[in-house]
């Protein structure tokens, strides 16, 4: 099956299934680029958990916001 055929099939999926596919693909790309998957990738996070991830992985951003 070609990529264009896969994309055509993905377009037919309900939103929830598209979200699941997106989360899977995002994890695959991150894993391929970094060699290690982020444990939070593809999970639904609370606002506080998301903030922790953003600031833990972007310490420079936290420093700029603190100024």
Protein backbone atom coordinates (compact mmCIF):
# COMPACT_ATOMS: atom_id res chain seq x y z
CA UNK A 1 0.00 0.00 0.00
CA UNK A 2 1.41 3.39 -0.94
CA UNK A 3 1.56 6.43 1.31
CA UNK A 4 -1.14 8.16 -0.72
CA UNK A 5 -3.41 5.12 -0.30
CA UNK A 6 -2.78 5.11 3.44
CA UNK A 7 -3.54 8.84 3.64
CA UNK A 8 -6.78 8.33 1.71
CA UNK A 9 -7.82 5.66 4.22
CA UNK A 10 -6.83 7.84 7.18
CA UNK A 11 -9.09 10.61 5.91
CA UNK A 12 -12.05 8.25 6.27
CA UNK A 13 -11.41 7.55 9.96
CA UNK A 14 -13.42 9.09 12.81
CA UNK A 15 -11.69 11.87 14.74
CA UNK A 16 -10.79 9.66 17.74
CA UNK A 17 -9.04 7.16 15.49
CA UNK A 18 -7.20 10.00 13.72
CA UNK A 19 -6.00 11.24 17.12
CA UNK A 20 -4.72 7.76 17.97
CA UNK A 21 -2.89 7.53 14.64
CA UNK A 22 -1.42 11.01 15.16
CA UNK A 23 -0.15 10.10 18.62
CA UNK A 24 1.40 6.90 17.25
CA UNK A 25 3.09 8.69 14.35
CA UNK A 26 4.36 11.50 16.56
CA UNK A 27 5.92 8.95 18.90
CA UNK A 28 7.51 7.12 15.96
CA UNK A 29 9.03 10.34 14.60
CA UNK A 30 10.37 11.46 17.96
CA UNK A 31 11.81 8.01 18.62
CA UNK A 32 13.48 7.93 15.24
CA UNK A 33 14.99 11.39 15.74
CA UNK A 34 16.12 11.12 19.34
CA UNK A 35 16.53 7.42 19.88
CA UNK A 36 14.32 7.55 22.96
CA UNK A 37 10.57 8.15 23.22
CA UNK A 38 9.27 10.82 25.53
CA UNK A 39 7.13 9.14 28.23
CA UNK A 40 4.41 11.79 27.94
CA UNK A 41 4.03 11.59 24.16
CA UNK A 42 0.55 10.57 23.10
CA UNK A 43 -0.91 10.84 26.59
CA UNK A 44 -3.59 13.22 27.75
CA UNK A 45 -2.04 15.50 30.34
CA UNK A 46 -3.61 17.81 32.86
CA UNK A 47 -2.70 21.48 32.61
CA UNK A 48 -0.22 21.11 35.47
CA UNK A 49 1.40 18.06 33.90
CA UNK A 50 1.69 19.85 30.55
CA UNK A 51 3.31 22.83 32.26
CA UNK A 52 5.82 20.53 33.92
CA UNK A 53 6.71 19.01 30.54
CA UNK A 54 7.04 22.39 28.83
CA UNK A 55 9.26 23.89 31.48
CA UNK A 56 11.27 20.73 32.15
CA UNK A 57 12.12 20.41 28.47
CA UNK A 58 12.48 24.14 27.85
CA UNK A 59 14.44 25.47 30.80
CA UNK A 60 15.59 28.39 28.68
CA UNK A 61 11.94 29.39 28.21
CA UNK A 62 11.39 29.35 31.96
CA UNK A 63 14.44 31.56 32.42
CA UNK A 64 13.17 34.06 29.87
CA UNK A 65 9.71 34.13 31.42
CA UNK A 66 11.23 34.69 34.86
CA UNK A 67 12.98 37.88 33.68
